[in-house]
Amino acid sequence: MRRKLPLLAFLLVLFVLSACQPPAPATPSPVVGAEERLQPYFTDPSNRTLRGGPDAAVAEAIDAARVSVDAALYDLDLWSIRDALLRAHRRGVQVRIVAESDHLDSPEFQKLQKAGIPIVGDGRRALMHDKFIVVDRYEVWTGSMNFTLNGAYRNNNNLVRMVSRQLAEDYTAEFEEMFLQHQFGANSPANTPYVEVTLDGIAVEVYFSPEDHPRVHLLPVLESAQESIYFMAFNLTDDDLARLLIAKARQGVKVEGVFDERQAKTSTGNDYLRLKEAGLPVFLDANPYAMHHKVFIVDGETVVFGSYNFTHSAESRNDENLVIVHDPLLAAQFMEEFQRVYQAASEYNR
């Protein structure tokens, strides 16, 4: 006859078994394939419906958030993002926002604040120019796209979803410098946890300005070009960068680019004419709104993107982020966008 296990011994066994189980993750860990770790989205200025742009994908990600959403937003007037943040807040997700103070009086920011979502402004003349969102400390959305109607539906922009706990930790650290410590611009410490990250064999570098000096890391990428450099520049006033592009073209590297027309004609020190007069095939963009990309594609293998304009302000005063990804697939996807923008610009300039 089988003897019954005494109650105390039974409880002891349960305790031991439970102690041996791995702890539940603090945040969800969805299974993500290699091809999904880096997903680019590009705006379509021909889309007149103001629906279905990159913001729809971001809103869906926010709606799936279970723990936290941290957003560094230069500007906001998209209802899709505003409403997704409100829904997340109402279901108990921690929502925190850092914003450029010049835009805090917008109706969207005001509605978020009224709902109880904490928003911290930079409170200074230089810009909090970042445009990134971190969901559940697991995925990052960043690029050139402001979360505005113009940014998502009228300007040429990019937005990239990066799925990585390490990259999310990088962006969370930058966010909390601003949100918790009120450290903006030159007051930001150089403490990015993982400057270089590998995603399924893909090397990703992340730099925040001004503390990480992105320019120091950008110039060697361009210097290393052996075959081609393609670029889309909302603004380019960095003379050293312009000189390097001219030098690489004279070495036989194919250098082609598109400048935003308004910035090229009005921004002090813009290098469009300098490159044009040096014989480089560069064009003013054809978009009646803005060609807002800040992108380099090098040798069909490396892509540079982010909020970082190629200017002194971006390097030394503003809060910005610059991402360098060494991946031929992502380069090919950005190349398709470049070809669309470049072709339209070349036809516009005939």
Protein backbone atom coordinates (compact mmCIF):
# COMPACT_ATOMS: atom_id res chain seq x y z
CA MET A 1 0.00 0.00 0.00
CA ARG A 2 1.42 3.41 -1.09
CA ARG A 3 1.95 5.78 1.82
CA LYS A 4 0.69 9.33 1.50
CA LEU A 5 3.31 12.09 1.38
CA PRO A 6 3.07 14.21 4.54
CA LEU A 7 1.73 17.70 3.90
CA LEU A 8 4.91 19.44 5.07
CA ALA A 9 7.08 17.30 2.77
CA PHE A 10 4.70 17.93 -0.14
CA LEU A 11 4.94 21.69 0.33
CA LEU A 12 8.72 21.44 0.55
CA VAL A 13 8.83 19.61 -2.79
CA LEU A 14 6.66 22.29 -4.42
CA PHE A 15 8.95 25.01 -3.09
CA VAL A 16 12.07 23.34 -4.45
CA LEU A 17 10.48 22.76 -7.85
CA SER A 18 9.30 26.36 -8.12
CA ALA A 19 12.71 27.67 -7.10
CA CYS A 20 14.30 25.74 -9.94
CA GLN A 21 12.08 27.34 -12.58
CA PRO A 22 13.57 30.29 -14.51
CA PRO A 23 12.06 33.64 -13.52
CA ALA A 24 9.40 35.10 -15.79
CA PRO A 25 10.78 37.83 -18.04
CA ALA A 26 10.13 41.40 -16.90
CA THR A 27 9.16 42.32 -20.45
CA PRO A 28 7.77 40.23 -23.29
CA SER A 29 10.26 38.44 -25.56
CA PRO A 30 8.54 37.76 -28.89
CA VAL A 31 10.24 35.40 -31.31
CA VAL A 32 11.79 37.54 -34.03
CA GLY A 33 13.40 36.26 -37.20
CA ALA A 34 16.66 37.66 -38.47
CA GLU A 35 14.92 39.50 -41.31
CA GLU A 36 12.60 41.22 -38.83
CA ARG A 37 15.25 42.63 -36.51
CA LEU A 38 15.86 45.55 -38.88
CA GLN A 39 12.75 46.72 -40.73
CA PRO A 40 12.86 50.00 -42.67
CA TYR A 41 9.78 52.03 -43.50
CA PHE A 42 9.74 54.89 -45.99
CA THR A 43 7.19 57.63 -46.37
CA ASP A 44 5.17 57.93 -49.56
CA PRO A 45 4.45 61.61 -50.35
CA SER A 46 2.03 60.49 -53.06
CA ASN A 47 -0.26 59.02 -50.37
CA ARG A 48 -3.00 61.63 -50.03
CA THR A 49 -5.18 59.61 -47.67
CA LEU A 50 -3.04 60.44 -44.60
CA ARG A 51 -3.54 56.81 -43.59
CA GLY A 52 -1.40 53.70 -43.63
CA GLY A 53 1.98 55.41 -43.40
CA PRO A 54 4.87 54.39 -41.14
CA ASP A 55 2.98 55.82 -38.17
CA ALA A 56 0.41 53.01 -38.50
CA ALA A 57 3.13 50.43 -37.82
CA VAL A 58 4.38 52.43 -34.84
CA ALA A 59 0.86 52.77 -33.42
CA GLU A 60 0.44 49.01 -33.74
CA ALA A 61 3.66 48.46 -31.80
CA ILE A 62 2.51 50.84 -29.07
CA ASP A 63 -0.83 49.05 -28.91
CA ALA A 64 1.07 45.79 -28.32
CA ALA A 65 3.14 47.28 -25.48
CA ARG A 66 2.67 45.51 -22.16
CA VAL A 67 5.16 47.25 -19.88
CA SER A 68 6.55 50.57 -21.12
CA VAL A 69 6.74 53.12 -23.92
CA ASP A 70 9.46 55.79 -23.83
CA ALA A 71 9.29 58.42 -26.58
CA ALA A 72 11.73 61.20 -27.44
CA LEU A 73 9.71 63.36 -29.81
CA TYR A 74 10.98 66.52 -31.46
CA ASP A 75 7.39 67.20 -32.51
CA LEU A 76 3.99 65.49 -32.53
CA ASP A 77 0.72 66.14 -34.30
CA LEU A 78 -0.22 62.65 -35.50
CA TRP A 79 -3.45 61.53 -33.90
CA SER A 80 -2.53 57.90 -34.58
CA ILE A 81 0.48 58.16 -32.26
CA ARG A 82 -1.26 60.38 -29.74
CA ASP A 83 -4.19 57.97 -29.43
CA ALA A 84 -1.96 54.90 -29.22
CA LEU A 85 -0.02 56.52 -26.37
CA LEU A 86 -3.29 57.37 -24.61
CA ARG A 87 -4.54 53.78 -24.99
CA ALA A 88 -1.29 52.42 -23.60
CA HIS A 89 -1.49 54.77 -20.63
CA ARG A 90 -5.10 53.81 -19.90
CA ARG A 91 -4.33 50.09 -19.81
CA GLY A 92 -1.54 50.63 -17.28
CA VAL A 93 1.55 50.75 -19.50
CA GLN A 94 4.19 53.18 -18.28
CA VAL A 95 4.32 55.98 -20.86
CA ARG A 96 7.01 58.66 -20.61
CA ILE A 97 7.85 61.43 -23.08
CA VAL A 98 10.74 63.81 -23.69
CA ALA A 99 10.02 66.64 -26.12
CA GLU A 100 11.44 69.76 -27.71
CA SER A 101 10.10 72.55 -25.51
CA ASP A 102 9.23 74.74 -28.50
CA HIS A 103 6.45 72.28 -29.38
CA LEU A 104 5.01 71.53 -25.95
CA ASP A 105 2.03 73.80 -26.53
CA SER A 106 0.74 71.63 -29.39
CA PRO A 107 -2.76 70.20 -28.84
CA GLU A 108 -1.41 66.64 -28.98
CA PHE A 109 1.18 67.15 -26.25
CA GLN A 110 -1.37 69.07 -24.19
CA LYS A 111 -3.88 66.23 -24.41
CA LEU A 112 -1.26 63.68 -23.36
CA GLN A 113 -0.27 65.80 -20.37
CA LYS A 114 -3.90 66.31 -19.37
CA ALA A 115 -4.35 62.52 -19.36
CA GLY A 116 -1.53 62.24 -16.81
CA ILE A 117 1.33 61.21 -19.08
CA PRO A 118 4.56 62.88 -17.85
CA ILE A 119 6.35 65.01 -20.45
CA VAL A 120 9.76 66.62 -19.95
CA GLY A 121 10.87 69.45 -22.21
CA ASP A 122 14.49 70.33 -22.88
CA GLY A 123 14.01 73.97 -21.90
CA ARG A 124 16.89 75.40 -23.93
CA ARG A 125 17.70 77.12 -27.22
CA ALA A 126 19.42 74.12 -28.85
CA LEU A 127 17.13 71.35 -30.03
CA MET A 128 15.98 68.05 -28.58
CA HIS A 129 15.95 66.79 -32.14
CA ASP A 130 15.62 63.03 -31.50
CA LYS A 131 12.71 61.07 -32.94
CA PHE A 132 12.74 57.65 -31.29
CA ILE A 133 10.35 55.37 -29.43
CA VAL A 134 11.34 52.42 -27.25
CA VAL A 135 8.65 49.78 -26.66
CA ASP A 136 8.90 47.34 -23.74
CA ARG A 137 12.65 47.98 -23.60
CA TYR A 138 12.89 45.54 -26.49
CA GLU A 139 12.29 47.35 -29.77
CA VAL A 140 13.39 50.77 -31.01
CA TRP A 141 11.83 52.92 -33.73
CA THR A 142 14.06 55.70 -35.04
CA GLY A 143 15.07 57.55 -38.19
CA SER A 144 14.52 60.92 -39.82
CA MET A 145 10.73 60.92 -39.52
CA ASN A 146 9.09 63.32 -37.12
CA PHE A 147 5.78 62.06 -35.77
CA THR A 148 3.81 64.68 -37.66
CA LEU A 149 1.53 64.74 -40.70
CA ASN A 150 4.25 66.37 -42.76
CA GLY A 151 6.84 63.94 -41.44
CA ALA A 152 4.82 60.81 -42.17
CA TYR A 153 2.89 61.79 -45.31
CA ARG A 154 4.44 64.75 -47.11
CA ASN A 155 8.20 64.72 -46.56
CA ASN A 156 10.62 62.05 -47.74
CA ASN A 157 11.61 60.22 -44.58
CA ASN A 158 12.75 56.92 -43.14
CA LEU A 159 11.87 55.09 -39.96
CA VAL A 160 13.57 51.86 -38.89
CA ARG A 161 12.36 49.28 -36.38
CA MET A 162 15.28 47.65 -34.57
CA VAL A 163 14.55 44.68 -32.32
CA SER A 164 17.26 44.20 -29.72
CA ARG A 165 17.39 44.42 -25.95
CA GLN A 166 20.88 45.90 -26.16
CA LEU A 167 19.87 48.63 -28.61
CA ALA A 168 16.77 49.30 -26.52
CA GLU A 169 19.04 49.66 -23.48
CA ASP A 170 21.14 52.20 -25.40
CA TYR A 171 18.12 54.31 -26.26
CA THR A 172 16.59 53.92 -22.81
CA ALA A 173 19.82 55.17 -21.23
CA GLU A 174 19.76 58.21 -23.51
CA PHE A 175 16.08 58.77 -22.79
CA GLU A 176 16.52 58.62 -19.02
CA GLU A 177 19.40 61.09 -19.10
CA MET A 178 16.91 63.59 -20.44
CA PHE A 179 13.76 62.45 -18.63
CA LEU A 180 15.16 61.72 -15.17
CA GLN A 181 18.36 63.77 -14.99
CA HIS A 182 17.45 66.65 -17.32
CA GLN A 183 20.80 66.22 -19.05
CA PHE A 184 20.56 67.65 -22.54
CA GLY A 185 23.14 68.60 -25.14
CA ALA A 186 26.65 69.11 -23.79
CA ASN A 187 25.46 68.09 -20.32
CA SER A 188 24.75 64.53 -21.48
CA PRO A 189 27.29 61.94 -20.27
CA ALA A 190 28.96 59.58 -22.72
CA ASN A 191 27.56 56.39 -21.26
CA THR A 192 25.96 54.45 -24.12
CA PRO A 193 25.93 50.84 -22.81
CA TYR A 194 26.45 49.08 -26.15
CA VAL A 195 28.01 51.28 -28.83
CA GLU A 196 28.40 48.24 -31.08
CA VAL A 197 25.78 45.48 -31.25
CA THR A 198 25.56 42.37 -33.41
CA LEU A 199 22.13 41.23 -34.58
CA ASP A 200 22.24 37.80 -36.19
CA GLY A 201 25.62 38.63 -37.71
CA ILE A 202 24.69 42.23 -38.58
CA ALA A 203 26.92 44.89 -36.99
CA VAL A 204 25.06 47.95 -35.69
CA GLU A 205 26.66 51.06 -34.20
CA VAL A 206 24.72 53.71 -32.27
CA TYR A 207 25.98 57.18 -31.40
CA PHE A 208 24.26 60.05 -29.61
CA SER A 209 25.30 63.65 -30.01
CA PRO A 210 26.96 65.60 -28.81
CA GLU A 211 28.50 63.26 -26.23
CA ASP A 212 29.45 60.40 -28.59
CA HIS A 213 30.76 62.72 -31.37
CA PRO A 214 29.00 60.93 -34.27
CA ARG A 215 31.07 62.78 -36.86
CA VAL A 216 34.23 61.02 -35.64
CA HIS A 217 32.58 57.71 -36.51
CA LEU A 218 30.86 58.84 -39.71
CA LEU A 219 33.89 60.20 -41.56
CA PRO A 220 35.88 56.92 -41.47
CA VAL A 221 32.88 55.07 -42.93
CA LEU A 222 32.90 57.43 -45.90
CA GLU A 223 36.70 57.36 -46.13
CA SER A 224 36.58 53.57 -46.42
CA ALA A 225 34.37 53.68 -49.54
CA GLN A 226 35.88 51.79 -52.47
CA GLU A 227 33.06 51.86 -55.02
CA SER A 228 30.15 54.16 -54.17
CA ILE A 229 28.67 56.72 -51.81
CA TYR A 230 25.03 57.68 -52.25
CA PHE A 231 23.46 60.24 -49.95
CA MET A 232 20.27 62.12 -49.17
CA ALA A 233 20.85 65.22 -47.06
CA PHE A 234 18.20 67.51 -45.63
CA ASN A 235 21.08 69.79 -44.70
CA LEU A 236 24.83 69.43 -45.17
CA THR A 237 27.06 72.24 -43.92
CA ASP A 238 30.02 70.20 -42.66
CA ASP A 239 32.89 71.40 -44.87
CA ASP A 240 35.18 68.52 -43.92
CA LEU A 241 32.51 66.07 -44.96
CA ALA A 242 32.02 67.94 -48.25
CA ARG A 243 35.76 67.92 -48.91
CA LEU A 244 35.87 64.19 -48.24
CA LEU A 245 33.05 63.52 -50.71
CA ILE A 246 34.86 65.53 -53.38
CA ALA A 247 38.12 63.71 -52.64
CA LYS A 248 36.46 60.29 -52.88
CA ALA A 249 34.88 61.24 -56.22
CA ARG A 250 38.29 62.25 -57.55
CA GLN A 251 39.63 58.86 -56.42
CA GLY A 252 37.10 57.19 -58.69
CA VAL A 253 34.41 56.43 -56.13
CA LYS A 254 30.92 57.02 -57.49
CA VAL A 255 29.39 59.82 -55.39
CA GLU A 256 25.80 60.90 -56.00
CA GLY A 257 23.38 62.78 -53.79
CA VAL A 258 20.16 64.71 -53.28
CA PHE A 259 19.80 67.88 -51.22
CA ASP A 260 16.63 69.40 -49.86
CA GLU A 261 16.03 72.40 -52.10
CA ARG A 262 14.83 74.82 -49.44
CA GLN A 263 17.77 74.13 -47.13
CA ALA A 264 20.25 74.29 -50.01
CA LYS A 265 19.02 77.75 -50.95
CA THR A 266 18.49 79.24 -47.48
CA SER A 267 20.76 77.48 -44.99
CA THR A 268 23.99 79.32 -44.26
CA GLY A 269 27.00 77.33 -45.39
CA ASN A 270 25.08 74.62 -47.24
CA ASP A 271 27.52 72.63 -49.40
CA TYR A 272 25.23 71.86 -52.35
CA LEU A 273 26.84 74.38 -54.71
CA ARG A 274 30.31 73.38 -53.57
CA LEU A 275 29.72 69.76 -54.58
CA LYS A 276 27.92 70.78 -57.77
CA GLU A 277 30.75 73.05 -58.86
CA ALA A 278 33.22 70.25 -58.15
CA GLY A 279 31.41 68.21 -60.80
CA LEU A 280 29.57 65.78 -58.54
CA PRO A 281 26.13 64.62 -59.82
CA VAL A 282 24.07 66.10 -57.01
CA PHE A 283 20.55 67.47 -57.37
CA LEU A 284 17.96 69.50 -55.51
CA ASP A 285 14.96 67.43 -54.50
CA ALA A 286 11.61 67.43 -56.29
CA ASN A 287 9.37 67.28 -53.22
CA PRO A 288 7.38 70.51 -52.74
CA TYR A 289 7.51 69.85 -49.00
CA ALA A 290 10.87 68.50 -47.77
CA MET A 291 13.41 65.84 -48.58
CA HIS A 292 14.11 65.14 -44.92
CA HIS A 293 16.40 62.07 -45.08
CA LYS A 294 19.83 62.13 -43.42
CA VAL A 295 21.29 59.05 -45.10
CA PHE A 296 24.51 57.65 -46.54
CA ILE A 297 24.78 54.31 -48.37
CA VAL A 298 28.37 53.13 -48.77
CA ASP A 299 29.57 50.39 -51.14
CA GLY A 300 26.12 48.77 -51.08
CA GLU A 301 26.93 47.36 -47.64
CA THR A 302 26.66 50.10 -45.03
CA VAL A 303 23.79 52.46 -44.20
CA VAL A 304 23.94 55.59 -42.05
CA PHE A 305 20.64 57.05 -40.81
CA GLY A 306 19.03 58.76 -37.83
CA SER A 307 17.96 62.23 -36.74
CA TYR A 308 21.48 63.61 -37.23
CA ASN A 309 21.79 66.29 -39.90
CA PHE A 310 25.29 66.79 -41.28
CA THR A 311 25.75 70.13 -39.54
CA HIS A 312 27.70 71.73 -36.71
CA SER A 313 24.52 72.11 -34.61
CA ALA A 314 23.74 68.40 -34.88
CA GLU A 315 27.29 67.51 -33.88
CA SER A 316 27.85 69.92 -31.02
CA ARG A 317 24.56 71.29 -29.63
CA ASN A 318 21.45 69.26 -30.39
CA ASP A 319 20.37 65.95 -28.92
CA GLU A 320 20.55 63.56 -31.89
CA ASN A 321 21.14 59.94 -32.73
CA LEU A 322 23.09 58.40 -35.60
CA VAL A 323 22.96 54.71 -36.52
CA ILE A 324 25.48 52.86 -38.71
CA VAL A 325 24.37 49.43 -39.95
CA HIS A 326 26.65 47.09 -41.88
CA ASP A 327 24.13 45.00 -43.79
CA PRO A 328 23.77 44.58 -47.58
CA LEU A 329 20.03 43.82 -47.29
CA LEU A 330 19.26 47.03 -45.43
CA ALA A 331 21.56 48.90 -47.82
CA ALA A 332 19.59 47.53 -50.77
CA GLN A 333 16.30 48.65 -49.22
CA PHE A 334 17.64 52.15 -48.63
CA MET A 335 19.09 52.12 -52.15
CA GLU A 336 15.61 51.63 -53.59
CA GLU A 337 14.47 54.74 -51.72
CA PHE A 338 17.53 56.68 -52.90
CA GLN A 339 16.88 55.73 -56.51
CA ARG A 340 13.27 56.95 -56.30
CA VAL A 341 14.28 60.27 -54.76
CA TYR A 342 17.32 60.73 -57.03
CA GLN A 343 15.42 59.99 -60.22
CA ALA A 344 12.68 62.44 -59.33
CA ALA A 345 15.30 65.05 -58.44
CA SER A 346 17.26 64.56 -61.67
CA GLU A 347 14.09 64.98 -63.74
CA TYR A 348 13.07 68.02 -61.71
CA ASN A 349 16.47 69.67 -62.37
CA ARG A 350 16.47 69.18 -66.15
